[in-house]
Structure formats: C-alpha cells, structure tokens
mmCIF file of all heavy atoms, coordinates in Angstrom:
data_MODEL
# 
_entry.id   MODEL 
# 
loop_
_atom_site.group_PDB 
_atom_site.id 
_atom_site.type_symbol 
_atom_site.label_atom_id 
_atom_site.label_alt_id 
_atom_site.label_comp_id 
_atom_site.label_asym_id 
_atom_site.label_entity_id 
_atom_site.label_seq_id 
_atom_site.pdbx_PDB_ins_code 
_atom_site.Cartn_x 
_atom_site.Cartn_y 
_atom_site.Cartn_z 
_atom_site.occupancy 
_atom_site.B_iso_or_equiv 
_atom_site.pdbx_formal_charge 
_atom_site.auth_seq_id 
_atom_site.auth_comp_id 
_atom_site.auth_asym_id 
_atom_site.auth_atom_id 
_atom_site.pdbx_PDB_model_num 
ATOM 1   N N   . ALA A 1 1  ? 0.814   -1.222 0.000  1.00 0.00 ? 1  ALA A N   1 
ATOM 2   C CA  . ALA A 1 1  ? 0.000   0.000  0.000  1.00 0.00 ? 1  ALA A CA  1 
ATOM 3   C C   . ALA A 1 1  ? 0.841   1.263  0.000  1.00 0.00 ? 1  ALA A C   1 
ATOM 4   O O   . ALA A 1 1  ? 0.301   2.366  -0.116 1.00 0.00 ? 1  ALA A O   1 
ATOM 5   C CB  . ALA A 1 1  ? -0.922  -0.005 1.216  1.00 0.00 ? 1  ALA A CB  1 
ATOM 6   N N   . GLN A 1 2  ? 2.157   1.103  0.179  1.00 0.00 ? 2  GLN A N   1 
ATOM 7   C CA  . GLN A 1 2  ? 3.092   2.224  0.257  1.00 0.00 ? 2  GLN A CA  1 
ATOM 8   C C   . GLN A 1 2  ? 2.728   3.182  1.398  1.00 0.00 ? 2  GLN A C   1 
ATOM 9   O O   . GLN A 1 2  ? 2.689   4.396  1.244  1.00 0.00 ? 2  GLN A O   1 
ATOM 10  C CB  . GLN A 1 2  ? 3.171   2.972  -1.080 1.00 0.00 ? 2  GLN A CB  1 
ATOM 11  C CG  . GLN A 1 2  ? 3.731   2.114  -2.206 1.00 0.00 ? 2  GLN A CG  1 
ATOM 12  C CD  . GLN A 1 2  ? 3.958   2.885  -3.483 1.00 0.00 ? 2  GLN A CD  1 
ATOM 13  O OE1 . GLN A 1 2  ? 3.368   3.948  -3.698 1.00 0.00 ? 2  GLN A OE1 1 
ATOM 14  N NE2 . GLN A 1 2  ? 4.814   2.377  -4.339 1.00 0.00 ? 2  GLN A NE2 1 
ATOM 15  N N   . ARG A 1 3  ? 2.451   2.572  2.547  1.00 0.00 ? 3  ARG A N   1 
ATOM 16  C CA  . ARG A 1 3  ? 2.135   3.333  3.754  1.00 0.00 ? 3  ARG A CA  1 
ATOM 17  C C   . ARG A 1 3  ? 2.983   2.816  4.916  1.00 0.00 ? 3  ARG A C   1 
ATOM 18  O O   . ARG A 1 3  ? 3.389   1.662  4.922  1.00 0.00 ? 3  ARG A O   1 
ATOM 19  C CB  . ARG A 1 3  ? 0.647   3.211  4.114  1.00 0.00 ? 3  ARG A CB  1 
ATOM 20  C CG  . ARG A 1 3  ? -0.285  3.848  3.099  1.00 0.00 ? 3  ARG A CG  1 
ATOM 21  C CD  . ARG A 1 3  ? -1.742  3.643  3.488  1.00 0.00 ? 3  ARG A CD  1 
ATOM 22  N NE  . ARG A 1 3  ? -2.631  4.245  2.511  1.00 0.00 ? 3  ARG A NE  1 
ATOM 23  C CZ  . ARG A 1 3  ? -3.078  5.495  2.570  1.00 0.00 ? 3  ARG A CZ  1 
ATOM 24  N NH1 . ARG A 1 3  ? -2.736  6.257  3.599  1.00 0.00 ? 3  ARG A NH1 1 
ATOM 25  N NH2 . ARG A 1 3  ? -3.880  5.991  1.640  1.00 0.00 ? 3  ARG A NH2 1 
ATOM 26  N N   . HIS A 1 4  ? 3.206   3.668  5.877  1.00 0.00 ? 4  HIS A N   1 
ATOM 27  C CA  . HIS A 1 4  ? 3.898   3.232  7.081  1.00 0.00 ? 4  HIS A CA  1 
ATOM 28  C C   . HIS A 1 4  ? 3.007   2.274  7.851  1.00 0.00 ? 4  HIS A C   1 
ATOM 29  O O   . HIS A 1 4  ? 1.779   2.410  7.869  1.00 0.00 ? 4  HIS A O   1 
ATOM 30  C CB  . HIS A 1 4  ? 4.262   4.431  7.962  1.00 0.00 ? 4  HIS A CB  1 
ATOM 31  C CG  . HIS A 1 4  ? 5.278   5.346  7.341  1.00 0.00 ? 4  HIS A CG  1 
ATOM 32  N ND1 . HIS A 1 4  ? 6.571   4.941  7.076  1.00 0.00 ? 4  HIS A ND1 1 
ATOM 33  C CD2 . HIS A 1 4  ? 5.188   6.646  6.924  1.00 0.00 ? 4  HIS A CD2 1 
ATOM 34  C CE1 . HIS A 1 4  ? 7.250   5.945  6.529  1.00 0.00 ? 4  HIS A CE1 1 
ATOM 35  N NE2 . HIS A 1 4  ? 6.428   6.993  6.420  1.00 0.00 ? 4  HIS A NE2 1 
ATOM 36  N N   . ALA A 1 5  ? 3.601   1.298  8.489  1.00 0.00 ? 5  ALA A N   1 
ATOM 37  C CA  . ALA A 1 5  ? 2.845   0.361  9.313  1.00 0.00 ? 5  ALA A CA  1 
ATOM 38  C C   . ALA A 1 5  ? 2.201   1.112  10.478 1.00 0.00 ? 5  ALA A C   1 
ATOM 39  O O   . ALA A 1 5  ? 2.628   2.218  10.834 1.00 0.00 ? 5  ALA A O   1 
ATOM 40  C CB  . ALA A 1 5  ? 3.769   -0.739 9.818  1.00 0.00 ? 5  ALA A CB  1 
ATOM 41  N N   . PRO A 1 6  ? 1.160   0.548  11.083 1.00 0.00 ? 6  PRO A N   1 
ATOM 42  C CA  . PRO A 1 6  ? 0.497   1.231  12.203 1.00 0.00 ? 6  PRO A CA  1 
ATOM 43  C C   . PRO A 1 6  ? 1.461   1.549  13.336 1.00 0.00 ? 6  PRO A C   1 
ATOM 44  O O   . PRO A 1 6  ? 2.398   0.797  13.609 1.00 0.00 ? 6  PRO A O   1 
ATOM 45  C CB  . PRO A 1 6  ? -0.560  0.209  12.654 1.00 0.00 ? 6  PRO A CB  1 
ATOM 46  C CG  . PRO A 1 6  ? -0.793  -0.665 11.467 1.00 0.00 ? 6  PRO A CG  1 
ATOM 47  C CD  . PRO A 1 6  ? 0.511   -0.726 10.744 1.00 0.00 ? 6  PRO A CD  1 
ATOM 48  N N   . ALA A 1 7  ? 1.221   2.675  13.991 1.00 0.00 ? 7  ALA A N   1 
ATOM 49  C CA  . ALA A 1 7  ? 2.015   3.046  15.158 1.00 0.00 ? 7  ALA A CA  1 
ATOM 50  C C   . ALA A 1 7  ? 1.708   2.079  16.300 1.00 0.00 ? 7  ALA A C   1 
ATOM 51  O O   . ALA A 1 7  ? 0.714   1.347  16.270 1.00 0.00 ? 7  ALA A O   1 
ATOM 52  C CB  . ALA A 1 7  ? 1.693   4.478  15.570 1.00 0.00 ? 7  ALA A CB  1 
ATOM 53  N N   . ALA A 1 8  ? 2.549   2.108  17.311 1.00 0.00 ? 8  ALA A N   1 
ATOM 54  C CA  . ALA A 1 8  ? 2.461   1.131  18.401 1.00 0.00 ? 8  ALA A CA  1 
ATOM 55  C C   . ALA A 1 8  ? 1.094   1.130  19.072 1.00 0.00 ? 8  ALA A C   1 
ATOM 56  O O   . ALA A 1 8  ? 0.544   0.074  19.390 1.00 0.00 ? 8  ALA A O   1 
ATOM 57  C CB  . ALA A 1 8  ? 3.561   1.415  19.418 1.00 0.00 ? 8  ALA A CB  1 
ATOM 58  N N   . GLN A 1 9  ? 0.529   2.292  19.316 1.00 0.00 ? 9  GLN A N   1 
ATOM 59  C CA  . GLN A 1 9  ? -0.744  2.387  20.027 1.00 0.00 ? 9  GLN A CA  1 
ATOM 60  C C   . GLN A 1 9  ? -1.933  2.601  19.090 1.00 0.00 ? 9  GLN A C   1 
ATOM 61  O O   . GLN A 1 9  ? -3.033  2.911  19.549 1.00 0.00 ? 9  GLN A O   1 
ATOM 62  C CB  . GLN A 1 9  ? -0.680  3.550  21.042 1.00 0.00 ? 9  GLN A CB  1 
ATOM 63  C CG  . GLN A 1 9  ? 0.428   3.437  22.053 1.00 0.00 ? 9  GLN A CG  1 
ATOM 64  C CD  . GLN A 1 9  ? 0.339   2.146  22.872 1.00 0.00 ? 9  GLN A CD  1 
ATOM 65  O OE1 . GLN A 1 9  ? -0.743  1.736  23.270 1.00 0.00 ? 9  GLN A OE1 1 
ATOM 66  N NE2 . GLN A 1 9  ? 1.484   1.518  23.132 1.00 0.00 ? 9  GLN A NE2 1 
ATOM 67  N N   . GLN A 1 10 ? -1.727  2.431  17.813 1.00 0.00 ? 10 GLN A N   1 
ATOM 68  C CA  . GLN A 1 10 ? -2.775  2.691  16.825 1.00 0.00 ? 10 GLN A CA  1 
ATOM 69  C C   . GLN A 1 10 ? -3.511  1.400  16.484 1.00 0.00 ? 10 GLN A C   1 
ATOM 70  O O   . GLN A 1 10 ? -2.899  0.370  16.209 1.00 0.00 ? 10 GLN A O   1 
ATOM 71  C CB  . GLN A 1 10 ? -2.161  3.291  15.560 1.00 0.00 ? 10 GLN A CB  1 
ATOM 72  C CG  . GLN A 1 10 ? -3.164  3.835  14.568 1.00 0.00 ? 10 GLN A CG  1 
ATOM 73  C CD  . GLN A 1 10 ? -2.459  4.506  13.387 1.00 0.00 ? 10 GLN A CD  1 
ATOM 74  O OE1 . GLN A 1 10 ? -1.366  4.107  12.997 1.00 0.00 ? 10 GLN A OE1 1 
ATOM 75  N NE2 . GLN A 1 10 ? -3.068  5.543  12.851 1.00 0.00 ? 10 GLN A NE2 1 
ATOM 76  N N   . SER A 1 11 ? -4.839  1.461  16.497 1.00 0.00 ? 11 SER A N   1 
ATOM 77  C CA  . SER A 1 11 ? -5.613  0.278  16.153 1.00 0.00 ? 11 SER A CA  1 
ATOM 78  C C   . SER A 1 11 ? -5.610  0.072  14.641 1.00 0.00 ? 11 SER A C   1 
ATOM 79  O O   . SER A 1 11 ? -5.335  0.996  13.861 1.00 0.00 ? 11 SER A O   1 
ATOM 80  C CB  . SER A 1 11 ? -7.058  0.411  16.644 1.00 0.00 ? 11 SER A CB  1 
ATOM 81  O OG  . SER A 1 11 ? -7.766  1.343  15.838 1.00 0.00 ? 11 SER A OG  1 
ATOM 82  N N   . LEU A 1 12 ? -5.927  -1.138 14.233 1.00 0.00 ? 12 LEU A N   1 
ATOM 83  C CA  . LEU A 1 12 ? -5.980  -1.457 12.812 1.00 0.00 ? 12 LEU A CA  1 
ATOM 84  C C   . LEU A 1 12 ? -7.015  -0.599 12.104 1.00 0.00 ? 12 LEU A C   1 
ATOM 85  O O   . LEU A 1 12 ? -6.768  -0.079 11.006 1.00 0.00 ? 12 LEU A O   1 
ATOM 86  C CB  . LEU A 1 12 ? -6.304  -2.940 12.634 1.00 0.00 ? 12 LEU A CB  1 
ATOM 87  C CG  . LEU A 1 12 ? -6.466  -3.444 11.193 1.00 0.00 ? 12 LEU A CG  1 
ATOM 88  C CD1 . LEU A 1 12 ? -5.174  -3.260 10.403 1.00 0.00 ? 12 LEU A CD1 1 
ATOM 89  C CD2 . LEU A 1 12 ? -6.897  -4.909 11.187 1.00 0.00 ? 12 LEU A CD2 1 
ATOM 90  N N   . PHE A 1 13 ? -8.170  -0.400 12.733 1.00 0.00 ? 13 PHE A N   1 
ATOM 91  C CA  . PHE A 1 13 ? -9.235  0.400  12.121 1.00 0.00 ? 13 PHE A CA  1 
ATOM 92  C C   . PHE A 1 13 ? -8.806  1.856  11.968 1.00 0.00 ? 13 PHE A C   1 
ATOM 93  O O   . PHE A 1 13 ? -9.083  2.489  10.950 1.00 0.00 ? 13 PHE A O   1 
ATOM 94  C CB  . PHE A 1 13 ? -10.520 0.306  12.951 1.00 0.00 ? 13 PHE A CB  1 
ATOM 95  C CG  . PHE A 1 13 ? -11.272 -0.972 12.750 1.00 0.00 ? 13 PHE A CG  1 
ATOM 96  C CD1 . PHE A 1 13 ? -11.201 -1.982 13.680 1.00 0.00 ? 13 PHE A CD1 1 
ATOM 97  C CD2 . PHE A 1 13 ? -12.045 -1.174 11.614 1.00 0.00 ? 13 PHE A CD2 1 
ATOM 98  C CE1 . PHE A 1 13 ? -11.891 -3.166 13.501 1.00 0.00 ? 13 PHE A CE1 1 
ATOM 99  C CE2 . PHE A 1 13 ? -12.740 -2.350 11.424 1.00 0.00 ? 13 PHE A CE2 1 
ATOM 100 C CZ  . PHE A 1 13 ? -12.672 -3.355 12.367 1.00 0.00 ? 13 PHE A CZ  1 
ATOM 101 N N   . GLU A 1 14 ? -8.146  2.393  12.975 1.00 0.00 ? 14 GLU A N   1 
ATOM 102 C CA  . GLU A 1 14 ? -7.674  3.779  12.889 1.00 0.00 ? 14 GLU A CA  1 
ATOM 103 C C   . GLU A 1 14 ? -6.671  3.923  11.753 1.00 0.00 ? 14 GLU A C   1 
ATOM 104 O O   . GLU A 1 14 ? -6.702  4.930  11.018 1.00 0.00 ? 14 GLU A O   1 
ATOM 105 C CB  . GLU A 1 14 ? -7.033  4.197  14.214 1.00 0.00 ? 14 GLU A CB  1 
ATOM 106 C CG  . GLU A 1 14 ? -8.018  4.383  15.357 1.00 0.00 ? 14 GLU A CG  1 
ATOM 107 C CD  . GLU A 1 14 ? -7.321  4.606  16.681 1.00 0.00 ? 14 GLU A CD  1 
ATOM 108 O OE1 . GLU A 1 14 ? -6.125  4.255  16.809 1.00 0.00 ? 14 GLU A OE1 1 
ATOM 109 O OE2 . GLU A 1 14 ? -7.962  5.143  17.602 1.00 0.00 ? 14 GLU A OE2 1 
ATOM 110 N N   . TRP A 1 15 ? -5.800  2.957  11.625 1.00 0.00 ? 15 TRP A N   1 
ATOM 111 C CA  . TRP A 1 15 ? -4.776  3.011  10.579 1.00 0.00 ? 15 TRP A CA  1 
ATOM 112 C C   . TRP A 1 15 ? -5.408  2.957  9.193  1.00 0.00 ? 15 TRP A C   1 
ATOM 113 O O   . TRP A 1 15 ? -5.059  3.749  8.313  1.00 0.00 ? 15 TRP A O   1 
ATOM 114 C CB  . TRP A 1 15 ? -3.803  1.859  10.769 1.00 0.00 ? 15 TRP A CB  1 
ATOM 115 C CG  . TRP A 1 15 ? -2.696  1.826  9.763  1.00 0.00 ? 15 TRP A CG  1 
ATOM 116 C CD1 . TRP A 1 15 ? -1.658  2.704  9.653  1.00 0.00 ? 15 TRP A CD1 1 
ATOM 117 C CD2 . TRP A 1 15 ? -2.509  0.855  8.719  1.00 0.00 ? 15 TRP A CD2 1 
ATOM 118 N NE1 . TRP A 1 15 ? -0.826  2.347  8.615  1.00 0.00 ? 15 TRP A NE1 1 
ATOM 119 C CE2 . TRP A 1 15 ? -1.327  1.215  8.028  1.00 0.00 ? 15 TRP A CE2 1 
ATOM 120 C CE3 . TRP A 1 15 ? -3.207  -0.276 8.323  1.00 0.00 ? 15 TRP A CE3 1 
ATOM 121 C CZ2 . TRP A 1 15 ? -0.845  0.486  6.940  1.00 0.00 ? 15 TRP A CZ2 1 
ATOM 122 C CZ3 . TRP A 1 15 ? -2.732  -1.012 7.254  1.00 0.00 ? 15 TRP A CZ3 1 
ATOM 123 C CH2 . TRP A 1 15 ? -1.559  -0.638 6.569  1.00 0.00 ? 15 TRP A CH2 1 
ATOM 124 N N   . LEU A 1 16 ? -6.332  2.036  8.995  1.00 0.00 ? 16 LEU A N   1 
ATOM 125 C CA  . LEU A 1 16 ? -6.991  1.917  7.695  1.00 0.00 ? 16 LEU A CA  1 
ATOM 126 C C   . LEU A 1 16 ? -7.856  3.144  7.388  1.00 0.00 ? 16 LEU A C   1 
ATOM 127 O O   . LEU A 1 16 ? -7.929  3.588  6.240  1.00 0.00 ? 16 LEU A O   1 
ATOM 128 C CB  . LEU A 1 16 ? -7.849  0.653  7.652  1.00 0.00 ? 16 LEU A CB  1 
ATOM 129 C CG  . LEU A 1 16 ? -7.086  -0.678 7.648  1.00 0.00 ? 16 LEU A CG  1 
ATOM 130 C CD1 . LEU A 1 16 ? -8.038  -1.841 7.878  1.00 0.00 ? 16 LEU A CD1 1 
ATOM 131 C CD2 . LEU A 1 16 ? -6.325  -0.873 6.339  1.00 0.00 ? 16 LEU A CD2 1 
ATOM 132 N N   . ALA A 1 17 ? -8.496  3.691  8.411  1.00 0.00 ? 17 ALA A N   1 
ATOM 133 C CA  . ALA A 1 17 ? -9.374  4.846  8.211  1.00 0.00 ? 17 ALA A CA  1 
ATOM 134 C C   . ALA A 1 17 ? -8.603  6.085  7.778  1.00 0.00 ? 17 ALA A C   1 
ATOM 135 O O   . ALA A 1 17 ? -9.184  7.003  7.178  1.00 0.00 ? 17 ALA A O   1 
ATOM 136 C CB  . ALA A 1 17 ? -10.156 5.140  9.493  1.00 0.00 ? 17 ALA A CB  1 
ATOM 137 N N   . GLN A 1 18 ? -7.303  6.128  8.061  1.00 0.00 ? 18 GLN A N   1 
ATOM 138 C CA  . GLN A 1 18 ? -6.500  7.278  7.654  1.00 0.00 ? 18 GLN A CA  1 
ATOM 139 C C   . GLN A 1 18 ? -6.505  7.479  6.141  1.00 0.00 ? 18 GLN A C   1 
ATOM 140 O O   . GLN A 1 18 ? -6.288  8.596  5.661  1.00 0.00 ? 18 GLN A O   1 
ATOM 141 C CB  . GLN A 1 18 ? -5.057  7.103  8.137  1.00 0.00 ? 18 GLN A CB  1 
ATOM 142 C CG  . GLN A 1 18 ? -4.847  7.422  9.600  1.00 0.00 ? 18 GLN A CG  1 
ATOM 143 C CD  . GLN A 1 18 ? -3.373  7.379  9.970  1.00 0.00 ? 18 GLN A CD  1 
ATOM 144 O OE1 . GLN A 1 18 ? -2.584  6.625  9.391  1.00 0.00 ? 18 GLN A OE1 1 
ATOM 145 N NE2 . GLN A 1 18 ? -2.984  8.195  10.932 1.00 0.00 ? 18 GLN A NE2 1 
ATOM 146 N N   . ALA A 1 19 ? -6.745  6.411  5.394  1.00 0.00 ? 19 ALA A N   1 
ATOM 147 C CA  . ALA A 1 19 ? -6.745  6.523  3.931  1.00 0.00 ? 19 ALA A CA  1 
ATOM 148 C C   . ALA A 1 19 ? -7.849  7.455  3.441  1.00 0.00 ? 19 ALA A C   1 
ATOM 149 O O   . ALA A 1 19 ? -7.751  8.024  2.347  1.00 0.00 ? 19 ALA A O   1 
ATOM 150 C CB  . ALA A 1 19 ? -6.916  5.140  3.305  1.00 0.00 ? 19 ALA A CB  1 
ATOM 151 N N   . ALA A 1 20 ? -8.898  7.616  4.256  1.00 0.00 ? 20 ALA A N   1 
ATOM 152 C CA  . ALA A 1 20 ? -10.035 8.449  3.849  1.00 0.00 ? 20 ALA A CA  1 
ATOM 153 C C   . ALA A 1 20 ? -10.029 9.814  4.536  1.00 0.00 ? 20 ALA A C   1 
ATOM 154 O O   . ALA A 1 20 ? -11.007 10.558 4.423  1.00 0.00 ? 20 ALA A O   1 
ATOM 155 C CB  . ALA A 1 20 ? -11.342 7.729  4.165  1.00 0.00 ? 20 ALA A CB  1 
ATOM 156 N N   . LYS A 1 21 ? -8.944  10.151 5.224  1.00 0.00 ? 21 LYS A N   1 
ATOM 157 C CA  . LYS A 1 21 ? -8.949  11.386 6.015  1.00 0.00 ? 21 LYS A CA  1 
ATOM 158 C C   . LYS A 1 21 ? -9.049  12.641 5.148  1.00 0.00 ? 21 LYS A C   1 
ATOM 159 O O   . LYS A 1 21 ? -9.469  13.695 5.638  1.00 0.00 ? 21 LYS A O   1 
ATOM 160 C CB  . LYS A 1 21 ? -7.705  11.448 6.900  1.00 0.00 ? 21 LYS A CB  1 
ATOM 161 C CG  . LYS A 1 21 ? -6.394  11.614 6.139  1.00 0.00 ? 21 LYS A CG  1 
ATOM 162 C CD  . LYS A 1 21 ? -5.212  11.672 7.098  1.00 0.00 ? 21 LYS A CD  1 
ATOM 163 C CE  . LYS A 1 21 ? -3.896  11.844 6.345  1.00 0.00 ? 21 LYS A CE  1 
ATOM 164 N NZ  . LYS A 1 21 ? -2.736  11.896 7.280  1.00 0.00 ? 21 LYS A NZ  1 
ATOM 165 N N   . GLY A 1 22 ? -8.671  12.550 3.865  1.00 0.00 ? 22 GLY A N   1 
ATOM 166 C CA  . GLY A 1 22 ? -8.748  13.718 3.000  1.00 0.00 ? 22 GLY A CA  1 
ATOM 167 C C   . GLY A 1 22 ? -10.118 13.950 2.386  1.00 0.00 ? 22 GLY A C   1 
ATOM 168 O O   . GLY A 1 22 ? -10.327 14.958 1.685  1.00 0.00 ? 22 GLY A O   1 
ATOM 169 N N   . LEU A 1 23 ? -11.070 13.075 2.652  1.00 0.00 ? 23 LEU A N   1 
ATOM 170 C CA  . LEU A 1 23 ? -12.412 13.226 2.088  1.00 0.00 ? 23 LEU A CA  1 
ATOM 171 C C   . LEU A 1 23 ? -13.221 14.233 2.893  1.00 0.00 ? 23 LEU A C   1 
ATOM 172 O O   . LEU A 1 23 ? -12.962 14.445 4.088  1.00 0.00 ? 23 LEU A O   1 
ATOM 173 C CB  . LEU A 1 23 ? -13.139 11.873 2.100  1.00 0.00 ? 23 LEU A CB  1 
ATOM 174 C CG  . LEU A 1 23 ? -12.530 10.745 1.279  1.00 0.00 ? 23 LEU A CG  1 
ATOM 175 C CD1 . LEU A 1 23 ? -13.372 9.470  1.431  1.00 0.00 ? 23 LEU A CD1 1 
ATOM 176 C CD2 . LEU A 1 23 ? -12.413 11.126 -0.187 1.00 0.00 ? 23 LEU A CD2 1 
ATOM 177 N N   . PRO A 1 24 ? -14.223 14.849 2.279  1.00 0.00 ? 24 PRO A N   1 
ATOM 178 C CA  . PRO A 1 24 ? -15.132 15.698 3.050  1.00 0.00 ? 24 PRO A CA  1 
ATOM 179 C C   . PRO A 1 24 ? -15.795 14.889 4.167  1.00 0.00 ? 24 PRO A C   1 
ATOM 180 O O   . PRO A 1 24 ? -15.960 13.671 4.040  1.00 0.00 ? 24 PRO A O   1 
ATOM 181 C CB  . PRO A 1 24 ? -16.173 16.145 2.004  1.00 0.00 ? 24 PRO A CB  1 
ATOM 182 C CG  . PRO A 1 24 ? -15.493 15.962 0.693  1.00 0.00 ? 24 PRO A CG  1 
ATOM 183 C CD  . PRO A 1 24 ? -14.553 14.805 0.851  1.00 0.00 ? 24 PRO A CD  1 
ATOM 184 N N   . ARG A 1 25 ? -16.182 15.554 5.239  1.00 0.00 ? 25 ARG A N   1 
ATOM 185 C CA  . ARG A 1 25 ? -16.689 14.831 6.406  1.00 0.00 ? 25 ARG A CA  1 
ATOM 186 C C   . ARG A 1 25 ? -17.849 13.887 6.086  1.00 0.00 ? 25 ARG A C   1 
ATOM 187 O O   . ARG A 1 25 ? -17.840 12.732 6.566  1.00 0.00 ? 25 ARG A O   1 
ATOM 188 C CB  . ARG A 1 25 ? -17.109 15.824 7.496  1.00 0.00 ? 25 ARG A CB  1 
ATOM 189 C CG  . ARG A 1 25 ? -17.657 15.129 8.742  1.00 0.00 ? 25 ARG A CG  1 
ATOM 190 C CD  . ARG A 1 25 ? -17.948 16.116 9.838  1.00 0.00 ? 25 ARG A CD  1 
ATOM 191 N NE  . ARG A 1 25 ? -16.738 16.730 10.351 1.00 0.00 ? 25 ARG A NE  1 
ATOM 192 C CZ  . ARG A 1 25 ? -16.713 17.660 11.308 1.00 0.00 ? 25 ARG A CZ  1 
ATOM 193 N NH1 . ARG A 1 25 ? -17.860 18.074 11.840 1.00 0.00 ? 25 ARG A NH1 1 
ATOM 194 N NH2 . ARG A 1 25 ? -15.562 18.171 11.717 1.00 0.00 ? 25 ARG A NH2 1 
ATOM 195 N N   . PRO A 1 26 ? -18.856 14.268 5.296  1.00 0.00 ? 26 PRO A N   1 
ATOM 196 C CA  . PRO A 1 26 ? -19.950 13.321 5.023  1.00 0.00 ? 26 PRO A CA  1 
ATOM 197 C C   . PRO A 1 26 ? -19.472 12.069 4.286  1.00 0.00 ? 26 PRO A C   1 
ATOM 198 O O   . PRO A 1 26 ? -19.920 10.959 4.601  1.00 0.00 ? 26 PRO A O   1 
ATOM 199 C CB  . PRO A 1 26 ? -20.910 14.139 4.149  1.00 0.00 ? 26 PRO A CB  1 
ATOM 200 C CG  . PRO A 1 26 ? -20.600 15.559 4.449  1.00 0.00 ? 26 PRO A CG  1 
ATOM 201 C CD  . PRO A 1 26 ? -19.130 15.593 4.714  1.00 0.00 ? 26 PRO A CD  1 
# 
C-alpha cells in the first residue's frame, strides 16, 4: 500500500481509516 505500518498504540481500524482522512466529512 506504500504506507507506514500502524504506530504502536494505533488500532488497525484507525490506521486503515487514515486513507479516507482527505475526504469531506460526510
């Protein structure tokens, strides 16, 4: 995926959800 692996305290869902962080809130 060309992404850094999750941080030590980061959940899998939080890490995957970062891919959509640039989308509008809705």
